Structure formats: C-alpha cells, structure tokens
C-alpha atoms as a PDB file:
ATOM      1  CA  HIS A   1     163.946  55.708 115.335  1.00  0.00           C
ATOM      2  CA  ALA A   2     162.227  52.365 115.228  1.00  0.00           C
ATOM      3  CA  LYS A   3     161.248  52.763 118.862  1.00  0.00           C
ATOM      4  CA  SER A   4     159.676  56.181 118.180  1.00  0.00           C
ATOM      5  CA  LEU A   5     157.655  54.766 115.274  1.00  0.00           C
ATOM      6  CA  LYS A   6     156.552  51.832 117.364  1.00  0.00           C
ATOM      7  CA  GLU A   7     155.356  54.220 120.079  1.00  0.00           C
ATOM      8  CA  LEU A   8     153.558  56.388 117.534  1.00  0.00           C
ATOM      9  CA  ASN A   9     151.877  53.316 116.021  1.00  0.00           C
ATOM     10  CA  SER A  10     150.727  52.189 119.476  1.00  0.00           C
ATOM     11  CA  LYS A  11     149.282  55.647 120.192  1.00  0.00           C
ATOM     12  CA  VAL A  12     147.420  55.711 116.885  1.00  0.00           C
ATOM     13  CA  LYS A  13     146.070  52.230 117.453  1.00  0.00           C
ATOM     14  CA  ALA A  14     144.968  53.129 121.000  1.00  0.00           C
ATOM     15  CA  GLU A  15     143.246  56.383 119.922  1.00  0.00           C
ATOM     16  CA  LEU A  16     141.758  55.306 116.562  1.00  0.00           C
ATOM     17  CA  GLY A  17     141.805  51.531 116.574  1.00  0.00           C
ATOM     18  CA  ILE A  18     143.741  51.323 113.291  1.00  0.00           C
ATOM     19  CA  LYS A  19     147.317  50.649 112.184  1.00  0.00           C
ATOM     20  CA  MET A  20     149.283  53.390 110.589  1.00  0.00           C
ATOM     21  CA  THR A  21     149.751  53.300 106.829  1.00  0.00           C
ATOM     22  CA  PRO A  22     153.214  52.426 105.529  1.00  0.00           C
ATOM     23  CA  GLY A  23     155.599  55.228 104.686  1.00  0.00           C
ATOM     24  CA  TRP A  24     155.857  57.061 108.009  1.00  0.00           C
ATOM     25  CA  THR A  25     159.382  57.932 109.081  1.00  0.00           C
ATOM     26  CA  VAL A  26     161.061  59.598 112.016  1.00  0.00           C
ATOM     27  CA  ARG A  27     163.921  62.049 111.823  1.00  0.00           C
ATOM     28  CA  THR A  28     165.840  63.595 114.637  1.00  0.00           C
ATOM     29  CA  GLU A  29     166.178  67.322 114.060  1.00  0.00           C
ATOM     30  CA  LYS A  30     168.395  69.748 115.942  1.00  0.00           C
ATOM     31  CA  THR A  31     167.274  73.347 116.505  1.00  0.00           C
ATOM     32  CA  ALA A  32     169.482  76.412 116.411  1.00  0.00           C
ATOM     33  CA  SER A  33     169.530  76.399 120.203  1.00  0.00           C
ATOM     34  CA  GLY A  34     170.882  72.841 120.212  1.00  0.00           C
ATOM     35  CA  LYS A  35     167.785  70.972 121.304  1.00  0.00           C
ATOM     36  CA  THR A  36     166.930  67.764 119.483  1.00  0.00           C
ATOM     37  CA  TYR A  37     163.410  66.678 118.567  1.00  0.00           C
ATOM     38  CA  ASN A  38     161.921  63.664 116.807  1.00  0.00           C
ATOM     39  CA  ARG A  39     159.807  64.746 113.903  1.00  0.00           C
ATOM     40  CA  PHE A  40     157.380  62.447 112.173  1.00  0.00           C
ATOM     41  CA  TYR A  41     156.812  62.475 108.413  1.00  0.00           C
ATOM     42  CA  ASN A  42     154.032  60.825 106.476  1.00  0.00           C
ATOM     43  CA  ALA A  43     154.535  59.280 103.016  1.00  0.00           C
ATOM     44  CA  ASP A  44     153.754  62.659 101.416  1.00  0.00           C
ATOM     45  CA  GLY A  45     156.481  64.394 103.444  1.00  0.00           C
ATOM     46  CA  LYS A  46     154.164  66.292 105.758  1.00  0.00           C
ATOM     47  CA  ARG A  47     155.955  66.992 109.084  1.00  0.00           C
ATOM     48  CA  PHE A  48     154.456  66.480 112.509  1.00  0.00           C
ATOM     49  CA  SER A  49     156.036  67.505 115.801  1.00  0.00           C
ATOM     50  CA  SER A  50     154.240  65.133 118.206  1.00  0.00           C
ATOM     51  CA  HIS A  51     152.144  62.000 118.510  1.00  0.00           C
ATOM     52  CA  ALA A  52     149.110  64.161 119.274  1.00  0.00           C
ATOM     53  CA  ASP A  53     149.658  66.094 115.979  1.00  0.00           C
ATOM     54  CA  VAL A  54     149.722  62.823 114.040  1.00  0.00           C
ATOM     55  CA  VAL A  55     146.574  61.517 115.739  1.00  0.00           C
ATOM     56  CA  ALA A  56     144.700  64.812 115.064  1.00  0.00           C
ATOM     57  CA  TYR A  57     145.800  64.725 111.425  1.00  0.00           C
ATOM     58  CA  MET A  58     144.627  61.114 111.025  1.00  0.00           C
ATOM     59  CA  LYS A  59     141.266  61.912 112.713  1.00  0.00           C
ATOM     60  CA  LYS A  60     140.805  64.724 110.226  1.00  0.00           C
ATOM     61  CA  GLN A  61     141.735  62.452 107.291  1.00  0.00           C
ATOM     62  CA  LEU A  62     139.293  59.796 108.530  1.00  0.00           C
ATOM     63  CA  ASN A  63     136.531  62.345 109.321  1.00  0.00           C
ATOM     64  CA  VAL A  64     136.463  61.125 112.906  1.00  0.00           C
ATOM     65  CA  GLU A  65     134.539  63.436 115.237  1.00  0.00           C
ATOM     66  CA  ASP A  66     136.740  64.952 117.896  1.00  0.00           C
ATOM     67  CA  ASP A  67     135.133  64.667 121.302  1.00  0.00           C
ATOM     68  CA  THR A  68     137.491  67.113 122.971  1.00  0.00           C
ATOM     69  CA  GLU A  69     135.129  70.086 122.813  1.00  0.00           C
ATOM     70  CA  GLY A  70     135.102  70.091 126.595  1.00  0.00           C
ATOM     71  CA  PRO A  71     135.437  73.800 127.374  1.00  0.00           C
ATOM     72  CA  ARG A  72     132.456  74.839 125.232  1.00  0.00           C
ATOM     73  CA  ASN A  73     130.283  72.007 126.475  1.00  0.00           C
ATOM     74  CA  LEU A  74     131.496  72.518 130.073  1.00  0.00           C
ATOM     75  CA  ALA A  75     130.561  76.191 129.932  1.00  0.00           C
ATOM     76  CA  ALA A  76     127.076  75.297 128.655  1.00  0.00           C
ATOM     77  CA  ALA A  77     126.701  72.670 131.346  1.00  0.00           C
ATOM     78  CA  MET A  78     127.731  75.131 134.039  1.00  0.00           C
ATOM     79  CA  GLU A  79     125.201  77.668 132.781  1.00  0.00           C
ATOM     80  CA  LEU A  80     122.468  75.031 132.881  1.00  0.00           C
ATOM     81  CA  ALA A  81     123.547  74.027 136.403  1.00  0.00           C
ATOM     82  CA  ALA A  82     123.478  77.627 137.534  1.00  0.00           C
ATOM     83  CA  GLY A  83     119.971  77.891 136.163  1.00  0.00           C
ATOM     84  CA  ASP A  84     118.960  74.726 138.069  1.00  0.00           C
ATOM     85  CA  ASP A  85     120.210  76.284 141.325  1.00  0.00           C
ATOM     86  CA  LYS A  86     117.761  79.155 140.859  1.00  0.00           C
ATOM     87  CA  ASP A  87     114.862  76.709 140.567  1.00  0.00           C
ATOM     88  CA  ALA A  88     116.078  74.758 143.583  1.00  0.00           C
ATOM     89  CA  THR A  89     114.375  77.190 145.873  1.00  0.00           C
ATOM     90  CA  ASP A  90     111.036  75.455 145.154  1.00  0.00           C
ATOM     91  CA  GLY A  91     112.288  72.289 146.735  1.00  0.00           C
ATOM     92  CA  GLY A  92     114.105  71.079 143.610  1.00  0.00           C
ATOM     93  CA  LYS A  93     110.844  70.654 141.663  1.00  0.00           C
ATOM     94  CA  ALA A  94     111.181  72.653 138.486  1.00  0.00           C
ATOM     95  CA  THR A  95     107.910  73.394 136.716  1.00  0.00           C
ATOM     96  CA  ARG A  96     107.271  74.097 133.059  1.00  0.00           C
ATOM     97  CA  ARG A  97     106.514  77.679 134.046  1.00  0.00           C
ATOM     98  CA  SER A  98     109.827  78.116 135.843  1.00  0.00           C
ATOM     99  CA  ALA A  99     111.685  76.438 133.013  1.00  0.00           C
ATOM    100  CA  ARG A 100     110.046  78.838 130.482  1.00  0.00           C
ATOM    101  CA  ALA A 101     110.731  81.791 132.753  1.00  0.00           C
ATOM    102  CA  ALA A 102     114.399  80.765 132.997  1.00  0.00           C
ATOM    103  CA  ALA A 103     114.505  80.523 129.193  1.00  0.00           C
ATOM    104  CA  GLY A 104     112.934  84.003 128.873  1.00  0.00           C
ATOM    105  CA  ALA A 105     109.735  82.790 127.229  1.00  0.00           C
ATOM    106  CA  LYS A 106     106.243  83.959 128.134  1.00  0.00           C
ATOM    107  CA  PRO A 107     103.976  81.273 129.576  1.00  0.00           C
ATOM    108  CA  SER A 108     101.229  80.224 127.174  1.00  0.00           C
ATOM    109  CA  ARG A 109      97.666  80.577 128.388  1.00  0.00           C
ATOM    110  CA  ASP A 110      96.158  78.103 125.884  1.00  0.00           C
ATOM    111  CA  ALA A 111      97.021  74.963 127.882  1.00  0.00           C
END
C-alpha cells in the first residue's frame, strides 16, 4: 500500500505542484466478481477509485481551473476554422465586411 500512496503523491505533485495532506490511506477491496482494486481514502473517509479521481477532487477543493475543456473549445475552434475557409476564396484576406457577414451582422454605413 505504501507504493500506491507514493505513486498517488507523485501524481498529485506532478499535476498540482503540492504534497498531499496527511491522512490518506489505501485499501485493497475485492469485488463480488473477484477483482481487486486499490481504493484511496482521504482523512474524512471519502473514497476514490483512481489517481485521476483524487487529482480532480483536490483541484475542486483548491479551486483550480480545469483546463480539460477540450471538446467544447475544439468544436468552437473548428467552427471558426470552417468560417475562415469560406473567406479564403478572396486570397486569404478577410475584410471587416466579410467578417461581419460571416457573423450575420449588417455592415454599417456610417464609417
């Protein structure tokens, strides 16, 4: 169990740059099907099934922003890239007018 705790502490330190608080324990639990798993418990007795679960919990406790919002940001980036492809027909030079048109806004005539 000491090895599992040491690995967990290394993972937390690598991800968050901090040492784990005292009181964490590891227990080996056996399921009804006979598989065994290491479960991690904090000082309050809260159970975690993986290193990733512990890191996510600690991030939440420390109010650390999670930068793994990839799919949502990726989708937005892909939409923007698709919009850029439409403007590429003018030699790659997007104009304010084409940018407004892509955004669905009417061009202003006061400029």
